[in-house]
């Protein structure tokens, strides 16, 4: 295949996306594919350039904003351009954390207690009750990724500051109870035979604090255990819930489901990433290697399944 790897974009995750694009291109080339990298800052410009590329399909390594929320996928479908991963609707729901929460819960996947708050709203009784009930909350942009703008708060002053940080990214913030326990992510993969399976779970252990942007992207700040070590019962439940979360949004081909597991092995889903990071520090490549595949082999399988999907064109 000849594959156009699109990356960059204009969201706060631009630098991560560029790193993902470079890593994807390298892995695909090592797997024997022909690759062209496109730094896309305007979908229109890429659409106009598409035919001149002579590519068979697009691998989307864009993160955040229109690159991941379904808008770019909609543009590609409007012009009959094949692409990797989930379609517009699933991408939109995956980026909108409040919608994801409702879809997860409807599918029987537990989620933390939480609510959204519009920019400019003062702290109210609901905020104070949540702080009193849980003692620690997580505040994040409703549609962001890569842990940009995410803070952990413990009192009203910190909550107000956390909301201001989240609102600096977008007008809607999500406030959730903090779930003490282990940060776990489970990639989900739609195999070439059509079966959707959970890949090895990854136990994410920051050396200091929680898994914020700094700990996620600074080499050596976080320890990763893959496969994660759980009892057989908990492992099976993790896998089942991850696949259920993936399917509840209508995701296709692959995704990554982020969860929390308490000391009592209660499991809560946080979000699904429909275009997960693919940098050297990223988690989906780690799970692929744990399954005995090179990253390139996995990405070729992703493209094969993606190009076989009958899209809306």
C-alpha atoms as a PDB file:
ATOM      1  CA  UNK A   1       0.000   0.000   0.000  1.00  0.00           C
ATOM      2  CA  UNK A   2       0.857   3.643  -0.307  1.00  0.00           C
ATOM      3  CA  UNK A   3      -0.404   5.391   2.812  1.00  0.00           C
ATOM      4  CA  UNK A   4      -0.738   9.099   3.507  1.00  0.00           C
ATOM      5  CA  UNK A   5      -0.046   9.653   7.214  1.00  0.00           C
ATOM      6  CA  UNK A   6      -1.785  12.855   8.279  1.00  0.00           C
ATOM      7  CA  UNK A   7      -0.668  14.608  11.446  1.00  0.00           C
ATOM      8  CA  UNK A   8      -0.094  18.028  12.964  1.00  0.00           C
ATOM      9  CA  UNK A   9      -3.378  19.900  12.990  1.00  0.00           C
ATOM     10  CA  UNK A  10      -3.928  23.060  15.004  1.00  0.00           C
ATOM     11  CA  UNK A  11      -5.110  21.749  18.387  1.00  0.00           C
ATOM     12  CA  UNK A  12      -3.107  21.968  21.649  1.00  0.00           C
ATOM     13  CA  UNK A  13      -2.011  18.405  20.849  1.00  0.00           C
ATOM     14  CA  UNK A  14      -0.196  19.413  17.654  1.00  0.00           C
ATOM     15  CA  UNK A  15       3.303  18.456  18.854  1.00  0.00           C
ATOM     16  CA  UNK A  16       2.120  15.051  20.082  1.00  0.00           C
ATOM     17  CA  UNK A  17       0.382  14.513  16.733  1.00  0.00           C
ATOM     18  CA  UNK A  18       3.557  15.319  14.804  1.00  0.00           C
ATOM     19  CA  UNK A  19       5.441  12.782  16.931  1.00  0.00           C
ATOM     20  CA  UNK A  20       2.702  10.198  16.321  1.00  0.00           C
ATOM     21  CA  UNK A  21       2.815  10.812  12.583  1.00  0.00           C
ATOM     22  CA  UNK A  22       6.587  10.356  12.435  1.00  0.00           C
ATOM     23  CA  UNK A  23       6.395   7.136  14.481  1.00  0.00           C
ATOM     24  CA  UNK A  24       3.556   5.743  12.339  1.00  0.00           C
ATOM     25  CA  UNK A  25       5.401   6.540   9.108  1.00  0.00           C
ATOM     26  CA  UNK A  26       8.583   4.871  10.343  1.00  0.00           C
ATOM     27  CA  UNK A  27       6.746   1.742  11.517  1.00  0.00           C
ATOM     28  CA  UNK A  28       4.811   1.391   8.247  1.00  0.00           C
ATOM     29  CA  UNK A  29       7.956   1.831   6.174  1.00  0.00           C
ATOM     30  CA  UNK A  30       9.722  -0.815   8.252  1.00  0.00           C
ATOM     31  CA  UNK A  31       6.752  -3.102   7.472  1.00  0.00           C
ATOM     32  CA  UNK A  32       7.333  -2.597   3.745  1.00  0.00           C
ATOM     33  CA  UNK A  33       4.712   0.033   2.985  1.00  0.00           C
ATOM     34  CA  UNK A  34       5.115   3.211   0.960  1.00  0.00           C
ATOM     35  CA  UNK A  35       4.418   6.306   3.057  1.00  0.00           C
ATOM     36  CA  UNK A  36       3.993  10.030   2.601  1.00  0.00           C
ATOM     37  CA  UNK A  37       3.664  12.302   5.648  1.00  0.00           C
ATOM     38  CA  UNK A  38       1.282  15.254   5.456  1.00  0.00           C
ATOM     39  CA  UNK A  39       1.239  18.009   8.098  1.00  0.00           C
ATOM     40  CA  UNK A  40      -2.392  19.087   7.768  1.00  0.00           C
ATOM     41  CA  UNK A  41      -3.467  22.443   9.181  1.00  0.00           C
ATOM     42  CA  UNK A  42      -6.463  22.952   6.869  1.00  0.00           C
ATOM     43  CA  UNK A  43      -8.625  19.973   5.786  1.00  0.00           C
ATOM     44  CA  UNK A  44      -9.515  21.807   2.564  1.00  0.00           C
ATOM     45  CA  UNK A  45      -5.880  21.991   1.518  1.00  0.00           C
ATOM     46  CA  UNK A  46      -5.414  18.259   2.081  1.00  0.00           C
ATOM     47  CA  UNK A  47      -8.571  17.413   0.100  1.00  0.00           C
ATOM     48  CA  UNK A  48      -7.291  19.444  -2.844  1.00  0.00           C
ATOM     49  CA  UNK A  49      -3.917  17.700  -2.678  1.00  0.00           C
ATOM     50  CA  UNK A  50      -5.261  14.156  -2.212  1.00  0.00           C
ATOM     51  CA  UNK A  51      -5.347  12.948  -5.823  1.00  0.00           C
ATOM     52  CA  UNK A  52      -1.797  14.094  -6.477  1.00  0.00           C
ATOM     53  CA  UNK A  53      -0.544  11.880  -3.632  1.00  0.00           C
ATOM     54  CA  UNK A  54      -1.547   8.653  -5.382  1.00  0.00           C
ATOM     55  CA  UNK A  55      -2.193   6.969  -2.034  1.00  0.00           C
ATOM     56  CA  UNK A  56      -4.520   4.062  -1.259  1.00  0.00           C
ATOM     57  CA  UNK A  57      -5.736   5.511   2.016  1.00  0.00           C
ATOM     58  CA  UNK A  58      -5.119   7.853   4.922  1.00  0.00           C
ATOM     59  CA  UNK A  59      -3.796   6.951   8.348  1.00  0.00           C
ATOM     60  CA  UNK A  60      -5.145   9.552  10.765  1.00  0.00           C
ATOM     61  CA  UNK A  61      -2.531  10.485  13.364  1.00  0.00           C
ATOM     62  CA  UNK A  62      -4.244  13.776  14.204  1.00  0.00           C
ATOM     63  CA  UNK A  63      -5.097  14.352  17.862  1.00  0.00           C
ATOM     64  CA  UNK A  64      -7.656  16.750  19.282  1.00  0.00           C
ATOM     65  CA  UNK A  65      -9.892  19.323  17.645  1.00  0.00           C
ATOM     66  CA  UNK A  66     -11.249  18.724  14.167  1.00  0.00           C
ATOM     67  CA  UNK A  67      -8.665  16.007  13.552  1.00  0.00           C
ATOM     68  CA  UNK A  68     -10.234  13.664  16.090  1.00  0.00           C
ATOM     69  CA  UNK A  69     -13.801  14.863  16.701  1.00  0.00           C
ATOM     70  CA  UNK A  70     -15.298  13.556  13.458  1.00  0.00           C
ATOM     71  CA  UNK A  71     -15.018  16.686  11.309  1.00  0.00           C
ATOM     72  CA  UNK A  72     -11.952  15.543   9.364  1.00  0.00           C
ATOM     73  CA  UNK A  73     -13.462  12.075   8.952  1.00  0.00           C
ATOM     74  CA  UNK A  74     -16.607  13.721   7.551  1.00  0.00           C
ATOM     75  CA  UNK A  75     -14.527  15.669   5.027  1.00  0.00           C
ATOM     76  CA  UNK A  76     -12.747  12.515   3.891  1.00  0.00           C
ATOM     77  CA  UNK A  77     -16.034  10.655   3.467  1.00  0.00           C
ATOM     78  CA  UNK A  78     -17.573  13.540   1.503  1.00  0.00           C
ATOM     79  CA  UNK A  79     -14.804  13.140  -1.070  1.00  0.00           C
ATOM     80  CA  UNK A  80     -14.631   9.341  -1.025  1.00  0.00           C
ATOM     81  CA  UNK A  81     -11.196   9.161   0.604  1.00  0.00           C
ATOM     82  CA  UNK A  82     -10.525   5.936   2.589  1.00  0.00           C
ATOM     83  CA  UNK A  83      -9.103   6.414   6.086  1.00  0.00           C
ATOM     84  CA  UNK A  84      -8.141   4.551   9.249  1.00  0.00           C
ATOM     85  CA  UNK A  85     -10.230   3.903  12.335  1.00  0.00           C
ATOM     86  CA  UNK A  86     -13.618   5.090  13.487  1.00  0.00           C
ATOM     87  CA  UNK A  87     -16.152   7.083  11.490  1.00  0.00           C
ATOM     88  CA  UNK A  88     -17.479  10.593  12.144  1.00  0.00           C
ATOM     89  CA  UNK A  89     -20.160   9.697  14.705  1.00  0.00           C
ATOM     90  CA  UNK A  90     -17.957   7.496  16.891  1.00  0.00           C
ATOM     91  CA  UNK A  91     -15.109  10.004  16.672  1.00  0.00           C
ATOM     92  CA  UNK A  92     -17.406  12.815  17.777  1.00  0.00           C
ATOM     93  CA  UNK A  93     -18.756  10.833  20.736  1.00  0.00           C
ATOM     94  CA  UNK A  94     -15.285   9.671  21.736  1.00  0.00           C
ATOM     95  CA  UNK A  95     -14.027  13.265  21.933  1.00  0.00           C
ATOM     96  CA  UNK A  96     -17.069  14.468  23.868  1.00  0.00           C
ATOM     97  CA  UNK A  97     -16.495  13.057  27.342  1.00  0.00           C
ATOM     98  CA  UNK A  98     -19.984  13.841  28.647  1.00  0.00           C
ATOM     99  CA  UNK A  99     -21.600  11.991  25.732  1.00  0.00           C
ATOM    100  CA  UNK A 100     -19.167   9.091  26.180  1.00  0.00           C
ATOM    101  CA  UNK A 101     -20.159   8.814  29.850  1.00  0.00           C
ATOM    102  CA  UNK A 102     -23.843   8.493  28.929  1.00  0.00           C
ATOM    103  CA  UNK A 103     -23.130   5.901  26.227  1.00  0.00           C
ATOM    104  CA  UNK A 104     -20.912   3.856  28.567  1.00  0.00           C
ATOM    105  CA  UNK A 105     -23.515   3.879  31.333  1.00  0.00           C
ATOM    106  CA  UNK A 106     -26.263   2.855  28.907  1.00  0.00           C
ATOM    107  CA  UNK A 107     -24.109  -0.137  27.914  1.00  0.00           C
ATOM    108  CA  UNK A 108     -23.613  -1.156  31.554  1.00  0.00           C
ATOM    109  CA  UNK A 109     -20.071   0.215  31.841  1.00  0.00           C
ATOM    110  CA  UNK A 110     -19.546   1.970  35.235  1.00  0.00           C
ATOM    111  CA  UNK A 111     -18.403   5.614  35.170  1.00  0.00           C
ATOM    112  CA  UNK A 112     -17.366   8.042  37.936  1.00  0.00           C
ATOM    113  CA  UNK A 113     -19.975  10.441  39.255  1.00  0.00           C
ATOM    114  CA  UNK A 114     -19.664  13.744  37.453  1.00  0.00           C
ATOM    115  CA  UNK A 115     -21.201  16.636  35.566  1.00  0.00           C
ATOM    116  CA  UNK A 116     -20.316  19.357  33.070  1.00  0.00           C
ATOM    117  CA  UNK A 117     -19.951  23.047  33.857  1.00  0.00           C
ATOM    118  CA  UNK A 118     -20.086  25.936  31.381  1.00  0.00           C
ATOM    119  CA  UNK A 119     -17.392  28.594  31.311  1.00  0.00           C
ATOM    120  CA  UNK A 120     -17.998  31.531  33.601  1.00  0.00           C
ATOM    121  CA  UNK A 121     -20.286  29.737  36.054  1.00  0.00           C
ATOM    122  CA  UNK A 122     -19.567  30.389  39.726  1.00  0.00           C
ATOM    123  CA  UNK A 123     -19.034  27.557  42.196  1.00  0.00           C
ATOM    124  CA  UNK A 124     -22.386  26.339  43.503  1.00  0.00           C
ATOM    125  CA  UNK A 125     -23.911  23.835  45.931  1.00  0.00           C
ATOM    126  CA  UNK A 126     -23.340  20.934  43.551  1.00  0.00           C
ATOM    127  CA  UNK A 127     -19.614  21.677  43.439  1.00  0.00           C
ATOM    128  CA  UNK A 128     -19.389  21.951  47.209  1.00  0.00           C
ATOM    129  CA  UNK A 129     -21.344  18.723  47.723  1.00  0.00           C
ATOM    130  CA  UNK A 130     -19.007  16.850  45.360  1.00  0.00           C
ATOM    131  CA  UNK A 131     -15.949  18.152  47.188  1.00  0.00           C
ATOM    132  CA  UNK A 132     -17.431  17.203  50.540  1.00  0.00           C
ATOM    133  CA  UNK A 133     -18.506  13.768  49.304  1.00  0.00           C
ATOM    134  CA  UNK A 134     -15.259  12.719  47.605  1.00  0.00           C
ATOM    135  CA  UNK A 135     -12.543  15.044  48.892  1.00  0.00           C
ATOM    136  CA  UNK A 136     -10.733  14.919  45.567  1.00  0.00           C
ATOM    137  CA  UNK A 137     -12.062  15.686  42.085  1.00  0.00           C
ATOM    138  CA  UNK A 138     -10.706  15.651  38.541  1.00  0.00           C
ATOM    139  CA  UNK A 139     -11.423  18.635  36.279  1.00  0.00           C
ATOM    140  CA  UNK A 140     -10.810  18.378  32.549  1.00  0.00           C
ATOM    141  CA  UNK A 141     -11.859  19.956  29.236  1.00  0.00           C
ATOM    142  CA  UNK A 142     -14.920  18.096  27.968  1.00  0.00           C
ATOM    143  CA  UNK A 143     -13.431  17.587  24.527  1.00  0.00           C
ATOM    144  CA  UNK A 144      -9.680  17.588  25.082  1.00  0.00           C
ATOM    145  CA  UNK A 145      -7.060  14.876  24.970  1.00  0.00           C
ATOM    146  CA  UNK A 146      -3.451  14.065  25.903  1.00  0.00           C
ATOM    147  CA  UNK A 147      -4.325  15.178  29.471  1.00  0.00           C
ATOM    148  CA  UNK A 148      -4.042  18.822  28.371  1.00  0.00           C
ATOM    149  CA  UNK A 149      -5.764  21.094  30.902  1.00  0.00           C
ATOM    150  CA  UNK A 150      -6.502  18.293  33.408  1.00  0.00           C
ATOM    151  CA  UNK A 151      -6.100  18.994  37.135  1.00  0.00           C
ATOM    152  CA  UNK A 152      -6.760  17.175  40.386  1.00  0.00           C
ATOM    153  CA  UNK A 153      -8.390  19.398  43.016  1.00  0.00           C
ATOM    154  CA  UNK A 154      -9.113  19.103  46.749  1.00  0.00           C
ATOM    155  CA  UNK A 155     -10.826  22.345  47.800  1.00  0.00           C
ATOM    156  CA  UNK A 156     -12.907  25.224  46.446  1.00  0.00           C
ATOM    157  CA  UNK A 157      -9.894  27.383  45.543  1.00  0.00           C
ATOM    158  CA  UNK A 158      -8.271  24.547  43.580  1.00  0.00           C
ATOM    159  CA  UNK A 159     -11.605  23.697  41.921  1.00  0.00           C
ATOM    160  CA  UNK A 160     -12.061  27.284  40.726  1.00  0.00           C
ATOM    161  CA  UNK A 161      -8.492  27.273  39.358  1.00  0.00           C
ATOM    162  CA  UNK A 162      -9.007  23.856  37.715  1.00  0.00           C
ATOM    163  CA  UNK A 163     -12.172  25.058  36.015  1.00  0.00           C
ATOM    164  CA  UNK A 164     -10.355  28.149  34.734  1.00  0.00           C
ATOM    165  CA  UNK A 165      -7.606  25.919  33.310  1.00  0.00           C
ATOM    166  CA  UNK A 166     -10.125  23.639  31.573  1.00  0.00           C
ATOM    167  CA  UNK A 167     -12.106  26.615  30.253  1.00  0.00           C
ATOM    168  CA  UNK A 168      -8.875  27.953  28.812  1.00  0.00           C
ATOM    169  CA  UNK A 169      -9.077  25.031  26.365  1.00  0.00           C
ATOM    170  CA  UNK A 170     -12.826  25.123  25.636  1.00  0.00           C
ATOM    171  CA  UNK A 171     -16.097  26.478  27.116  1.00  0.00           C
ATOM    172  CA  UNK A 172     -17.223  23.208  28.727  1.00  0.00           C
ATOM    173  CA  UNK A 173     -15.462  21.456  31.618  1.00  0.00           C
ATOM    174  CA  UNK A 174     -16.123  18.006  33.043  1.00  0.00           C
ATOM    175  CA  UNK A 175     -15.958  17.572  36.820  1.00  0.00           C
ATOM    176  CA  UNK A 176     -15.661  13.984  38.092  1.00  0.00           C
ATOM    177  CA  UNK A 177     -15.008  12.213  41.354  1.00  0.00           C
ATOM    178  CA  UNK A 178     -11.402  11.098  41.633  1.00  0.00           C
ATOM    179  CA  UNK A 179     -11.203   7.304  41.706  1.00  0.00           C
ATOM    180  CA  UNK A 180      -8.303   6.176  43.935  1.00  0.00           C
ATOM    181  CA  UNK A 181      -6.514   3.168  42.542  1.00  0.00           C
ATOM    182  CA  UNK A 182      -4.660   2.125  39.416  1.00  0.00           C
ATOM    183  CA  UNK A 183      -4.635   3.902  36.061  1.00  0.00           C
ATOM    184  CA  UNK A 184      -5.270   1.237  33.424  1.00  0.00           C
ATOM    185  CA  UNK A 185      -5.643   1.460  29.678  1.00  0.00           C
ATOM    186  CA  UNK A 186      -6.923  -1.293  27.399  1.00  0.00           C
ATOM    187  CA  UNK A 187      -6.499  -1.017  23.624  1.00  0.00           C
ATOM    188  CA  UNK A 188      -9.304  -2.638  21.638  1.00  0.00           C
ATOM    189  CA  UNK A 189      -8.743  -4.102  18.201  1.00  0.00           C
ATOM    190  CA  UNK A 190     -11.092  -5.230  15.425  1.00  0.00           C
ATOM    191  CA  UNK A 191      -9.238  -8.128  13.841  1.00  0.00           C
ATOM    192  CA  UNK A 192      -9.212  -8.987  10.155  1.00  0.00           C
ATOM    193  CA  UNK A 193     -11.698 -11.827  10.764  1.00  0.00           C
ATOM    194  CA  UNK A 194     -14.182  -9.320  12.219  1.00  0.00           C
ATOM    195  CA  UNK A 195     -13.762 -10.264  15.904  1.00  0.00           C
ATOM    196  CA  UNK A 196     -13.339  -7.331  18.302  1.00  0.00           C
ATOM    197  CA  UNK A 197     -10.937  -8.146  21.145  1.00  0.00           C
ATOM    198  CA  UNK A 198      -9.134  -6.466  24.012  1.00  0.00           C
ATOM    199  CA  UNK A 199      -5.369  -6.193  23.671  1.00  0.00           C
ATOM    200  CA  UNK A 200      -3.140  -6.552  26.755  1.00  0.00           C
ATOM    201  CA  UNK A 201      -4.040  -4.113  29.534  1.00  0.00           C
ATOM    202  CA  UNK A 202      -1.373  -1.622  30.596  1.00  0.00           C
ATOM    203  CA  UNK A 203      -0.846  -0.564  34.205  1.00  0.00           C
ATOM    204  CA  UNK A 204       0.279   3.081  34.244  1.00  0.00           C
ATOM    205  CA  UNK A 205       2.272   4.085  37.324  1.00  0.00           C
ATOM    206  CA  UNK A 206       3.480   7.713  37.510  1.00  0.00           C
ATOM    207  CA  UNK A 207       6.411   8.074  39.893  1.00  0.00           C
ATOM    208  CA  UNK A 208       5.034  11.368  41.267  1.00  0.00           C
ATOM    209  CA  UNK A 209       1.458  12.693  41.203  1.00  0.00           C
ATOM    210  CA  UNK A 210      -1.135  11.515  38.685  1.00  0.00           C
ATOM    211  CA  UNK A 211      -0.881  10.734  34.972  1.00  0.00           C
ATOM    212  CA  UNK A 212      -0.863  14.335  33.722  1.00  0.00           C
ATOM    213  CA  UNK A 213       0.653  15.744  30.534  1.00  0.00           C
ATOM    214  CA  UNK A 214       4.149  15.994  32.030  1.00  0.00           C
ATOM    215  CA  UNK A 215       4.151  12.413  33.334  1.00  0.00           C
ATOM    216  CA  UNK A 216       2.658  11.144  30.072  1.00  0.00           C
ATOM    217  CA  UNK A 217       5.222  12.662  27.734  1.00  0.00           C
ATOM    218  CA  UNK A 218       8.402  12.959  29.825  1.00  0.00           C
ATOM    219  CA  UNK A 219      10.575   9.883  29.429  1.00  0.00           C
ATOM    220  CA  UNK A 220      11.227   8.166  32.758  1.00  0.00           C
ATOM    221  CA  UNK A 221       8.424   9.869  34.697  1.00  0.00           C
ATOM    222  CA  UNK A 222       6.075   6.884  34.472  1.00  0.00           C
ATOM    223  CA  UNK A 223       6.447   3.122  34.767  1.00  0.00           C
ATOM    224  CA  UNK A 224       4.353   0.931  32.465  1.00  0.00           C
ATOM    225  CA  UNK A 225       3.514  -2.703  33.188  1.00  0.00           C
ATOM    226  CA  UNK A 226       2.250  -4.614  30.160  1.00  0.00           C
ATOM    227  CA  UNK A 227       0.461  -6.928  30.455  1.00  0.00           C
ATOM    228  CA  UNK A 228      -0.989  -5.556  33.698  1.00  0.00           C
ATOM    229  CA  UNK A 229      -1.173  -8.029  36.558  1.00  0.00           C
ATOM    230  CA  UNK A 230      -4.706  -8.830  37.747  1.00  0.00           C
ATOM    231  CA  UNK A 231      -6.633 -11.860  38.888  1.00  0.00           C
ATOM    232  CA  UNK A 232      -8.227 -13.814  36.055  1.00  0.00           C
ATOM    233  CA  UNK A 233     -11.680 -12.581  37.070  1.00  0.00           C
ATOM    234  CA  UNK A 234     -10.667  -8.902  37.100  1.00  0.00           C
ATOM    235  CA  UNK A 235      -8.724  -9.267  33.864  1.00  0.00           C
ATOM    236  CA  UNK A 236     -11.731 -10.787  32.102  1.00  0.00           C
ATOM    237  CA  UNK A 237     -14.008  -8.035  33.407  1.00  0.00           C
ATOM    238  CA  UNK A 238     -11.556  -5.349  32.295  1.00  0.00           C
ATOM    239  CA  UNK A 239     -11.468  -6.802  28.804  1.00  0.00           C
ATOM    240  CA  UNK A 240     -15.251  -7.133  28.646  1.00  0.00           C
ATOM    241  CA  UNK A 241     -15.849  -3.553  29.805  1.00  0.00           C
ATOM    242  CA  UNK A 242     -13.235  -2.151  27.409  1.00  0.00           C
ATOM    243  CA  UNK A 243     -14.825  -3.890  24.435  1.00  0.00           C
ATOM    244  CA  UNK A 244     -18.291  -2.769  25.612  1.00  0.00           C
ATOM    245  CA  UNK A 245     -17.091   0.848  25.874  1.00  0.00           C
ATOM    246  CA  UNK A 246     -15.584   0.637  22.378  1.00  0.00           C
ATOM    247  CA  UNK A 247     -18.761  -0.798  20.883  1.00  0.00           C
ATOM    248  CA  UNK A 248     -21.087   1.569  22.788  1.00  0.00           C
ATOM    249  CA  UNK A 249     -19.704   4.481  20.742  1.00  0.00           C
ATOM    250  CA  UNK A 250     -19.744   2.546  17.467  1.00  0.00           C
ATOM    251  CA  UNK A 251     -15.935   2.590  17.216  1.00  0.00           C
ATOM    252  CA  UNK A 252     -14.254   0.726  14.378  1.00  0.00           C
ATOM    253  CA  UNK A 253     -10.886  -0.981  13.872  1.00  0.00           C
ATOM    254  CA  UNK A 254      -9.083   0.151  17.024  1.00  0.00           C
ATOM    255  CA  UNK A 255      -9.342   2.429  20.039  1.00  0.00           C
ATOM    256  CA  UNK A 256      -7.910   2.776  23.524  1.00  0.00           C
ATOM    257  CA  UNK A 257     -10.118   2.727  26.613  1.00  0.00           C
ATOM    258  CA  UNK A 258      -8.848   4.446  29.766  1.00  0.00           C
ATOM    259  CA  UNK A 259     -10.089   3.095  33.096  1.00  0.00           C
ATOM    260  CA  UNK A 260      -9.487   3.205  36.842  1.00  0.00           C
ATOM    261  CA  UNK A 261      -9.357   0.084  39.037  1.00  0.00           C
ATOM    262  CA  UNK A 262      -9.781   0.457  42.808  1.00  0.00           C
ATOM    263  CA  UNK A 263      -8.155  -1.638  45.545  1.00  0.00           C
ATOM    264  CA  UNK A 264     -11.399  -3.638  45.684  1.00  0.00           C
ATOM    265  CA  UNK A 265     -11.170  -4.254  41.923  1.00  0.00           C
ATOM    266  CA  UNK A 266     -14.105  -2.002  41.084  1.00  0.00           C
ATOM    267  CA  UNK A 267     -13.669  -0.737  37.527  1.00  0.00           C
ATOM    268  CA  UNK A 268     -14.673   2.650  36.101  1.00  0.00           C
ATOM    269  CA  UNK A 269     -14.333   3.759  32.476  1.00  0.00           C
ATOM    270  CA  UNK A 270     -13.058   7.293  31.879  1.00  0.00           C
ATOM    271  CA  UNK A 271     -12.955   7.707  28.108  1.00  0.00           C
ATOM    272  CA  UNK A 272     -12.317   6.081  24.753  1.00  0.00           C
ATOM    273  CA  UNK A 273      -9.633   7.406  22.409  1.00  0.00           C
ATOM    274  CA  UNK A 274     -10.576   6.797  18.775  1.00  0.00           C
ATOM    275  CA  UNK A 275      -7.230   8.076  17.440  1.00  0.00           C
ATOM    276  CA  UNK A 276      -4.821   7.134  20.235  1.00  0.00           C
ATOM    277  CA  UNK A 277      -1.255   8.359  20.339  1.00  0.00           C
ATOM    278  CA  UNK A 278       1.355   6.374  18.446  1.00  0.00           C
ATOM    279  CA  UNK A 279       4.575   8.000  19.681  1.00  0.00           C
ATOM    280  CA  UNK A 280       7.517   5.991  21.035  1.00  0.00           C
ATOM    281  CA  UNK A 281       6.035   6.424  24.528  1.00  0.00           C
ATOM    282  CA  UNK A 282       2.459   5.591  23.500  1.00  0.00           C
ATOM    283  CA  UNK A 283       0.390   2.731  24.800  1.00  0.00           C
ATOM    284  CA  UNK A 284      -1.199   1.004  21.797  1.00  0.00           C
ATOM    285  CA  UNK A 285       2.239   0.186  20.310  1.00  0.00           C
ATOM    286  CA  UNK A 286       3.220  -1.217  23.716  1.00  0.00           C
ATOM    287  CA  UNK A 287       0.206  -3.554  23.701  1.00  0.00           C
ATOM    288  CA  UNK A 288       0.898  -4.631  20.124  1.00  0.00           C
ATOM    289  CA  UNK A 289       4.454  -5.588  21.031  1.00  0.00           C
ATOM    290  CA  UNK A 290       3.130  -7.534  24.040  1.00  0.00           C
ATOM    291  CA  UNK A 291       1.026  -9.556  21.561  1.00  0.00           C
ATOM    292  CA  UNK A 292       4.143 -10.456  19.586  1.00  0.00           C
ATOM    293  CA  UNK A 293       3.612  -7.997  16.729  1.00  0.00           C
ATOM    294  CA  UNK A 294       5.832  -5.200  15.559  1.00  0.00           C
ATOM    295  CA  UNK A 295       4.113  -1.828  15.515  1.00  0.00           C
ATOM    296  CA  UNK A 296       4.324  -1.862  11.730  1.00  0.00           C
ATOM    297  CA  UNK A 297       2.616  -5.238  11.486  1.00  0.00           C
ATOM    298  CA  UNK A 298      -0.190  -3.994  13.707  1.00  0.00           C
ATOM    299  CA  UNK A 299      -0.628  -0.788  11.689  1.00  0.00           C
ATOM    300  CA  UNK A 300      -0.784  -2.732   8.419  1.00  0.00           C
ATOM    301  CA  UNK A 301      -3.593  -4.818   9.922  1.00  0.00           C
ATOM    302  CA  UNK A 302      -5.323  -1.594  11.025  1.00  0.00           C
ATOM    303  CA  UNK A 303      -5.143  -0.235   7.478  1.00  0.00           C
ATOM    304  CA  UNK A 304      -6.332  -3.502   5.918  1.00  0.00           C
ATOM    305  CA  UNK A 305      -9.441  -3.573   8.114  1.00  0.00           C
ATOM    306  CA  UNK A 306     -10.029   0.173   7.701  1.00  0.00           C
ATOM    307  CA  UNK A 307      -9.888   0.058   3.914  1.00  0.00           C
ATOM    308  CA  UNK A 308     -12.373  -2.825   3.857  1.00  0.00           C
ATOM    309  CA  UNK A 309     -15.061  -0.814   5.699  1.00  0.00           C
ATOM    310  CA  UNK A 310     -17.971   0.395   3.593  1.00  0.00           C
ATOM    311  CA  UNK A 311     -18.022   4.046   4.579  1.00  0.00           C
ATOM    312  CA  UNK A 312     -20.679   6.638   3.830  1.00  0.00           C
ATOM    313  CA  UNK A 313     -19.494   7.213   0.259  1.00  0.00           C
END
